[in-house]
Amino acid sequence: MTRVLGSVLFGYAQAQSSSHFLQKAPSNEGNPTTVSPPSEAAVEAGYRALFVVGTEPGQPLFADLVFQQQLELHGFSVRLIKDSEATFDDCEESDVMLVSASISGSALGKKVNECTTPQLIWEVGLYQNNGMAGPSHEDAWVTSPFWSEYHQDAWNKAGYAPPAPTGAEIVITKDGATDPLAAGFQHGKVPIFSVENFGQNWVNMNSLGKGAKVVGILPDEKTRHWKEETSPLQQKAVLFYYEQGAELYAAEGEVPQPSPGLRIAFPPYNFVYGSDPSCEELDGVPGCDVCHEKCLTASVWKVEDQKQNPMPLSDDGMKILDAAIRMLKEEARKGAEQNFFP
């Protein structure tokens, strides 16, 4: 997601190479490896995933690594690309596209809004840009352990900043429990993280398009005390999707547009190294002296991430991620068949 909110939406872009694989991040034990060529299975299947991330070229992945690994386990060859370098054609030429919260939403902007490629997105700035949600922070924003404590000056002036994380659990909705994206979980709470304080993207239910299928929400009892700007009586969608052709968000009086392709919204709100930004990612954040006083440098985070999981999805969270990737893969398969048998 984008890190810097306000004029520089939520994230801060890190440069990324569009022409070569990045080095893999350390594992949880901190053992760096190099990305190997795509597996034979991936090559034979021919599935190509474009993964838009915020990591510098040639640097290892940290919070985003698990997504690359799971794609490869599902038979995808993965191409990593910098947010500012990604184009509409890059998206269209891929079988699926993933967009991480480690990017800058302002760098990607609206370049891939019309792309028909199936997408998995966990960048709230992109939700606001492409019609998956309303365009304001009152429509859709994030929970964050960092931003809820350290505020940009503009937020202090407005009296409105991202809330603190609500815990490890999301709630599978009654209708969502019958959906493939629920990964077989029943209506009720499911721990998507293995820790209590990881950030999430959220969208008010009345700020979604009519075509949205909501599978998971934040627990109501954790959001009822939020500030009035968040519409605390509105449930907060964190796991939802639009099928191709489904009606996207439109302001009152506007004509809603159909979703160009499958678009799945996934909960985590992360930076390159985890739920908090590095000092380097905060470069350019306007009016936030306290942020620079409290942040950790990238070199410190690299050491920290050898002792912790930078993307602490629980076992249940991993099952939901796998369910999302299976949906993408099935949509890619159908697209390939339509192209082969027009």
Protein backbone atom coordinates (compact mmCIF):
# COMPACT_ATOMS: atom_id res chain seq x y z
CA MET A 1 0.00 0.00 0.00
CA THR A 2 1.16 3.42 -0.19
CA ARG A 3 2.74 4.61 2.84
CA VAL A 4 2.42 8.33 2.87
CA LEU A 5 -1.09 9.52 3.27
CA GLY A 6 -2.35 12.88 2.25
CA SER A 7 -0.76 14.28 -0.87
CA VAL A 8 1.57 11.28 -1.13
CA LEU A 9 -1.14 8.66 -0.54
CA PHE A 10 -0.15 5.84 1.79
CA GLY A 11 3.12 4.46 0.88
CA TYR A 12 6.39 5.53 -0.33
CA ALA A 13 7.69 4.01 -3.50
CA GLN A 14 10.94 2.13 -3.58
CA ALA A 15 12.64 1.72 -6.94
CA GLN A 16 12.28 -1.67 -8.50
CA SER A 17 13.62 -3.45 -11.54
CA SER A 18 11.16 -4.40 -14.23
CA SER A 19 13.57 -6.56 -16.17
CA HIS A 20 15.02 -9.02 -13.69
CA PHE A 21 14.16 -11.02 -10.63
CA LEU A 22 15.05 -9.54 -7.28
CA GLN A 23 17.08 -11.35 -4.70
CA LYS A 24 14.92 -13.24 -2.24
CA ALA A 25 14.63 -11.91 1.26
CA PRO A 26 16.01 -13.67 4.26
CA SER A 27 13.83 -16.41 5.61
CA ASN A 28 12.53 -16.02 9.14
CA GLU A 29 15.95 -17.21 10.26
CA GLY A 30 17.59 -14.53 8.16
CA ASN A 31 19.23 -16.73 5.55
CA PRO A 32 19.30 -14.79 2.29
CA THR A 33 18.98 -16.68 -0.95
CA THR A 34 18.82 -15.70 -4.57
CA VAL A 35 15.72 -16.08 -6.65
CA SER A 36 16.11 -19.12 -8.82
CA PRO A 37 14.67 -19.29 -12.30
CA PRO A 38 11.00 -20.25 -12.48
CA SER A 39 10.37 -23.91 -11.73
CA GLU A 40 9.83 -26.33 -14.61
CA ALA A 41 6.23 -26.73 -13.51
CA ALA A 42 5.67 -23.00 -13.69
CA VAL A 43 7.26 -22.76 -17.11
CA GLU A 44 5.27 -25.72 -18.43
CA ALA A 45 2.00 -24.30 -17.10
CA GLY A 46 2.82 -20.95 -18.63
CA TYR A 47 1.23 -18.91 -15.87
CA ARG A 48 2.84 -15.51 -15.49
CA ALA A 49 2.36 -13.29 -12.45
CA LEU A 50 3.27 -9.61 -12.37
CA PHE A 51 4.03 -8.57 -8.79
CA VAL A 52 4.16 -4.81 -8.18
CA VAL A 53 6.19 -4.13 -5.03
CA GLY A 54 8.02 -1.26 -3.36
CA THR A 55 11.47 -2.78 -2.89
CA GLU A 56 14.63 -1.27 -4.35
CA PRO A 57 16.14 -3.06 -7.38
CA GLY A 58 18.42 -5.91 -6.38
CA GLN A 59 17.25 -5.89 -2.77
CA PRO A 60 15.64 -8.85 -1.00
CA LEU A 61 11.94 -9.06 -0.35
CA PHE A 62 10.79 -9.10 3.26
CA ALA A 63 7.09 -8.58 3.99
CA ASP A 64 6.25 -9.36 0.35
CA LEU A 65 8.29 -12.54 0.09
CA VAL A 66 5.55 -14.92 1.18
CA PHE A 67 3.33 -13.79 -1.70
CA GLN A 68 6.04 -14.54 -4.26
CA GLN A 69 6.66 -17.93 -2.65
CA GLN A 70 2.99 -18.88 -2.69
CA LEU A 71 2.62 -17.82 -6.31
CA GLU A 72 5.53 -20.05 -7.26
CA LEU A 73 4.05 -22.95 -5.30
CA HIS A 74 0.92 -22.54 -7.39
CA GLY A 75 2.95 -22.80 -10.61
CA PHE A 76 3.46 -19.15 -11.50
CA SER A 77 6.62 -17.58 -12.81
CA VAL A 78 6.85 -14.24 -11.00
CA ARG A 79 8.06 -10.97 -12.45
CA LEU A 80 8.74 -8.20 -9.93
CA ILE A 81 8.35 -4.61 -11.04
CA LYS A 82 8.64 -1.15 -9.54
CA ASP A 83 5.35 0.69 -9.01
CA SER A 84 6.45 3.71 -11.05
CA GLU A 85 7.63 1.46 -13.91
CA ALA A 86 4.53 -0.73 -14.14
CA THR A 87 2.37 -0.01 -17.18
CA PHE A 88 -1.01 -0.99 -18.53
CA ASP A 89 0.71 -3.22 -21.09
CA ASP A 90 2.73 -4.97 -18.36
CA CYS A 91 -0.53 -5.79 -16.62
CA GLU A 92 -2.37 -6.94 -19.75
CA GLU A 93 0.52 -9.15 -20.84
CA SER A 94 0.47 -11.05 -17.53
CA ASP A 95 -1.92 -13.81 -16.49
CA VAL A 96 -2.42 -12.32 -13.01
CA MET A 97 -1.21 -9.24 -11.18
CA LEU A 98 -0.52 -8.68 -7.48
CA VAL A 99 -0.11 -5.20 -6.02
CA SER A 100 1.49 -4.92 -2.59
CA ALA A 101 0.87 -2.32 0.08
CA SER A 102 4.62 -1.67 -0.03
CA ILE A 103 4.14 0.45 -3.16
CA SER A 104 3.24 4.10 -3.50
CA GLY A 105 -0.35 4.37 -4.67
CA SER A 106 0.45 7.75 -6.18
CA ALA A 107 3.30 6.22 -8.22
CA LEU A 108 1.06 3.55 -9.74
CA GLY A 109 -1.82 5.99 -9.92
CA LYS A 110 -4.51 5.02 -12.41
CA LYS A 111 -2.22 3.41 -14.98
CA VAL A 112 -3.73 -0.06 -14.61
CA ASN A 113 -7.32 0.93 -13.87
CA GLU A 114 -8.62 -0.52 -17.14
CA CYS A 115 -6.49 -3.67 -17.08
CA THR A 116 -8.53 -6.85 -17.51
CA THR A 117 -5.96 -9.13 -15.86
CA PRO A 118 -7.16 -10.80 -12.61
CA GLN A 119 -5.67 -8.95 -9.64
CA LEU A 120 -4.95 -9.43 -5.94
CA ILE A 121 -4.46 -6.04 -4.27
CA TRP A 122 -3.60 -4.99 -0.73
CA GLU A 123 -3.01 -1.28 -1.37
CA VAL A 124 -5.87 0.93 -0.23
CA GLY A 125 -4.67 3.80 -2.40
CA LEU A 126 -5.35 1.62 -5.43
CA TYR A 127 -8.85 0.81 -4.13
CA GLN A 128 -9.48 4.57 -4.09
CA ASN A 129 -8.01 5.04 -7.58
CA ASN A 130 -9.71 2.18 -9.41
CA GLY A 131 -13.25 2.25 -8.04
CA MET A 132 -13.00 -0.66 -5.63
CA ALA A 133 -13.85 1.92 -2.92
CA GLY A 134 -14.78 5.55 -2.51
CA PRO A 135 -11.95 8.03 -3.01
CA SER A 136 -11.49 9.53 0.48
CA HIS A 137 -9.97 8.48 3.81
CA GLU A 138 -13.49 8.57 5.19
CA ASP A 139 -14.42 5.89 2.63
CA ALA A 140 -11.38 3.67 2.96
CA TRP A 141 -8.17 3.79 4.98
CA VAL A 142 -5.97 1.63 7.16
CA THR A 143 -5.26 0.51 10.68
CA SER A 144 -1.61 0.92 11.61
CA PRO A 145 0.47 0.53 14.77
CA PHE A 146 2.82 3.27 13.53
CA TRP A 147 0.45 5.86 12.08
CA SER A 148 -2.02 5.52 14.94
CA GLU A 149 0.72 6.68 17.32
CA TYR A 150 2.83 9.02 15.16
CA HIS A 151 0.74 11.50 13.19
CA GLN A 152 1.49 13.70 10.25
CA ASP A 153 0.87 17.38 10.96
CA ALA A 154 -2.07 17.47 8.56
CA TRP A 155 -3.81 14.71 10.49
CA ASN A 156 -3.31 16.51 13.79
CA LYS A 157 -4.85 19.60 12.24
CA ALA A 158 -7.80 17.60 10.91
CA GLY A 159 -8.14 15.56 14.10
CA TYR A 160 -8.28 12.33 12.10
CA ALA A 161 -5.56 9.68 11.75
CA PRO A 162 -5.47 5.94 11.05
CA PRO A 163 -6.82 3.86 13.94
CA ALA A 164 -4.75 1.26 15.78
CA PRO A 165 -4.92 -2.40 14.67
CA THR A 166 -7.95 -4.31 15.87
CA GLY A 167 -6.20 -7.61 16.56
CA ALA A 168 -5.40 -10.80 14.70
CA GLU A 169 -8.93 -11.74 13.72
CA ILE A 170 -11.29 -10.86 10.92
CA VAL A 171 -14.91 -11.96 10.76
CA ILE A 172 -16.09 -14.13 7.89
CA THR A 173 -19.53 -12.85 6.94
CA LYS A 174 -22.58 -15.08 6.75
CA ASP A 175 -22.74 -14.77 2.97
CA GLY A 176 -18.95 -14.90 2.69
CA ALA A 177 -18.79 -18.29 4.39
CA THR A 178 -20.18 -19.91 1.24
CA ASP A 179 -17.64 -18.17 -1.00
CA PRO A 180 -14.45 -19.86 -2.29
CA LEU A 181 -12.40 -16.92 -0.96
CA ALA A 182 -13.37 -17.92 2.60
CA ALA A 183 -11.23 -21.06 2.19
CA GLY A 184 -13.85 -23.20 3.89
CA PHE A 185 -14.09 -21.14 7.08
CA GLN A 186 -17.51 -20.73 8.62
CA HIS A 187 -19.27 -17.53 9.61
CA GLY A 188 -17.40 -16.03 12.57
CA LYS A 189 -13.96 -14.92 13.67
CA VAL A 190 -10.84 -16.26 11.97
CA PRO A 191 -7.28 -15.29 13.01
CA ILE A 192 -5.70 -14.07 9.79
CA PHE A 193 -2.48 -12.99 11.57
CA SER A 194 -0.34 -14.70 14.18
CA VAL A 195 0.19 -11.35 15.96
CA GLU A 196 -2.28 -8.80 17.34
CA ASN A 197 -0.83 -5.55 16.02
CA PHE A 198 -0.48 -5.80 12.25
CA GLY A 199 -2.17 -3.17 10.07
CA GLN A 200 -5.08 -3.78 7.72
CA ASN A 201 -6.81 -2.00 4.84
CA TRP A 202 -10.51 -1.33 5.42
CA VAL A 203 -13.43 0.04 3.42
CA ASN A 204 -16.80 1.15 4.76
CA MET A 205 -19.55 -1.07 3.44
CA ASN A 206 -21.43 1.93 2.04
CA SER A 207 -18.28 3.00 0.17
CA LEU A 208 -18.10 -0.19 -1.89
CA GLY A 209 -19.65 -0.68 -5.30
CA LYS A 210 -22.88 -2.62 -5.50
CA GLY A 211 -21.03 -5.47 -7.19
CA ALA A 212 -18.65 -6.11 -4.30
CA LYS A 213 -18.75 -9.52 -2.62
CA VAL A 214 -17.69 -9.08 0.99
CA VAL A 215 -16.14 -12.15 2.60
CA GLY A 216 -14.38 -10.67 5.65
CA ILE A 217 -14.85 -7.62 7.89
CA LEU A 218 -13.21 -6.19 10.99
CA PRO A 219 -14.93 -7.21 14.25
CA ASP A 220 -17.74 -4.71 14.89
CA GLU A 221 -16.92 -4.39 18.58
CA LYS A 222 -13.40 -3.23 17.70
CA THR A 223 -14.50 -0.36 15.43
CA ARG A 224 -17.60 1.09 17.14
CA HIS A 225 -15.44 3.47 19.20
CA TRP A 226 -13.61 4.87 16.16
CA LYS A 227 -13.85 8.55 15.25
CA GLU A 228 -16.94 9.89 13.54
CA GLU A 229 -14.99 10.40 10.30
CA THR A 230 -14.75 6.62 9.94
CA SER A 231 -18.54 6.13 10.13
CA PRO A 232 -18.14 3.77 13.12
CA LEU A 233 -21.59 2.24 12.68
CA GLN A 234 -20.60 1.03 9.23
CA GLN A 235 -18.98 -2.40 9.01
CA LYS A 236 -15.43 -2.37 7.65
CA ALA A 237 -14.74 -4.70 4.72
CA VAL A 238 -11.19 -6.10 4.60
CA LEU A 239 -11.56 -9.17 2.37
CA PHE A 240 -13.76 -8.67 -0.68
CA TYR A 241 -13.74 -8.83 -4.46
CA TYR A 242 -15.36 -7.76 -7.68
CA GLU A 243 -15.92 -10.25 -10.45
CA GLN A 244 -15.32 -9.13 -14.01
CA GLY A 245 -18.24 -6.93 -14.97
CA ALA A 246 -19.35 -6.30 -11.40
CA GLU A 247 -20.47 -2.78 -10.55
CA LEU A 248 -17.72 -0.63 -8.99
CA TYR A 249 -18.14 2.30 -6.64
CA ALA A 250 -19.75 5.47 -7.99
CA ALA A 251 -20.59 8.68 -6.16
CA GLU A 252 -24.22 9.72 -5.99
CA GLY A 253 -25.38 10.87 -9.42
CA GLU A 254 -22.49 9.17 -11.24
CA VAL A 255 -22.79 6.14 -13.50
CA PRO A 256 -20.98 3.13 -11.98
CA GLN A 257 -18.41 1.39 -14.17
CA PRO A 258 -18.04 -2.38 -14.49
CA SER A 259 -14.90 -3.97 -13.12
CA PRO A 260 -12.59 -4.75 -16.07
CA GLY A 261 -11.50 -7.99 -14.41
CA LEU A 262 -11.48 -9.98 -11.19
CA ARG A 263 -10.14 -7.78 -8.39
CA ILE A 264 -9.57 -9.24 -4.93
CA ALA A 265 -8.87 -7.01 -1.92
CA PHE A 266 -6.61 -8.61 0.70
CA PRO A 267 -6.28 -7.30 4.29
CA PRO A 268 -2.61 -6.62 5.21
CA TYR A 269 -1.31 -3.06 5.34
CA ASN A 270 2.45 -3.35 5.15
CA PHE A 271 5.64 -1.56 4.27
CA VAL A 272 8.78 -3.16 2.83
CA TYR A 273 9.94 -4.64 6.14
CA GLY A 274 6.65 -5.22 7.94
CA SER A 275 3.82 -3.25 9.50
CA ASP A 276 5.94 -0.14 10.22
CA PRO A 277 7.84 2.04 7.72
CA SER A 278 11.59 2.32 7.61
CA CYS A 279 13.13 5.79 7.81
CA GLU A 280 14.02 5.51 4.15
CA GLU A 281 10.38 4.87 3.23
CA LEU A 282 9.42 8.04 5.07
CA ASP A 283 11.54 10.26 2.82
CA GLY A 284 9.24 12.89 1.42
CA VAL A 285 6.50 12.45 4.00
CA PRO A 286 5.23 15.97 4.62
CA GLY A 287 5.18 17.50 8.08
CA CYS A 288 6.00 14.56 10.30
CA ASP A 289 9.08 15.25 12.39
CA VAL A 290 8.03 12.71 15.01
CA CYS A 291 7.89 10.01 12.33
CA HIS A 292 11.57 10.49 11.53
CA GLU A 293 12.43 10.56 15.21
CA LYS A 294 10.70 7.22 15.89
CA CYS A 295 11.40 5.22 12.73
CA LEU A 296 14.02 2.49 12.32
CA THR A 297 16.44 2.47 9.41
CA ALA A 298 16.34 -0.23 6.75
CA SER A 299 19.55 -1.77 8.08
CA VAL A 300 17.99 -2.10 11.54
CA TRP A 301 14.83 -3.59 10.09
CA LYS A 302 16.83 -6.20 8.20
CA VAL A 303 18.26 -7.38 11.53
CA GLU A 304 14.82 -7.27 13.19
CA ASP A 305 13.27 -9.33 10.41
CA GLN A 306 15.74 -12.11 11.11
CA LYS A 307 14.02 -12.45 14.50
CA GLN A 308 10.40 -11.99 13.45
CA ASN A 309 8.08 -12.75 10.58
CA PRO A 310 7.68 -9.53 8.53
CA MET A 311 4.34 -10.77 7.15
CA PRO A 312 2.87 -12.78 10.04
CA LEU A 313 -0.05 -14.44 8.30
CA SER A 314 -1.42 -17.24 10.45
CA ASP A 315 -2.04 -20.75 9.14
CA ASP A 316 -5.62 -19.66 8.50
CA GLY A 317 -4.42 -16.50 6.81
CA MET A 318 -2.24 -18.59 4.52
CA LYS A 319 -5.25 -20.73 3.60
CA ILE A 320 -7.17 -17.60 2.61
CA LEU A 321 -4.19 -16.37 0.58
CA ASP A 322 -4.04 -19.72 -1.21
CA ALA A 323 -7.78 -19.51 -1.89
CA ALA A 324 -7.26 -16.06 -3.45
CA ILE A 325 -4.43 -17.32 -5.64
CA ARG A 326 -6.57 -20.27 -6.76
CA MET A 327 -9.31 -17.82 -7.78
CA LEU A 328 -6.78 -15.80 -9.78
CA LYS A 329 -5.43 -18.93 -11.43
CA GLU A 330 -8.88 -20.18 -12.37
CA GLU A 331 -9.73 -16.80 -13.88
CA ALA A 332 -6.44 -16.86 -15.82
CA ARG A 333 -7.25 -20.35 -17.08
CA LYS A 334 -10.67 -19.23 -18.30
CA GLY A 335 -9.13 -16.21 -19.98
CA ALA A 336 -6.59 -18.41 -21.76
CA GLU A 337 -9.35 -20.72 -23.00
CA GLN A 338 -11.37 -17.79 -24.31
CA ASN A 339 -8.34 -16.49 -26.17
CA PHE A 340 -7.62 -19.94 -27.61
CA PHE A 341 -11.25 -20.64 -28.53
CA PRO A 342 -12.69 -17.17 -29.25
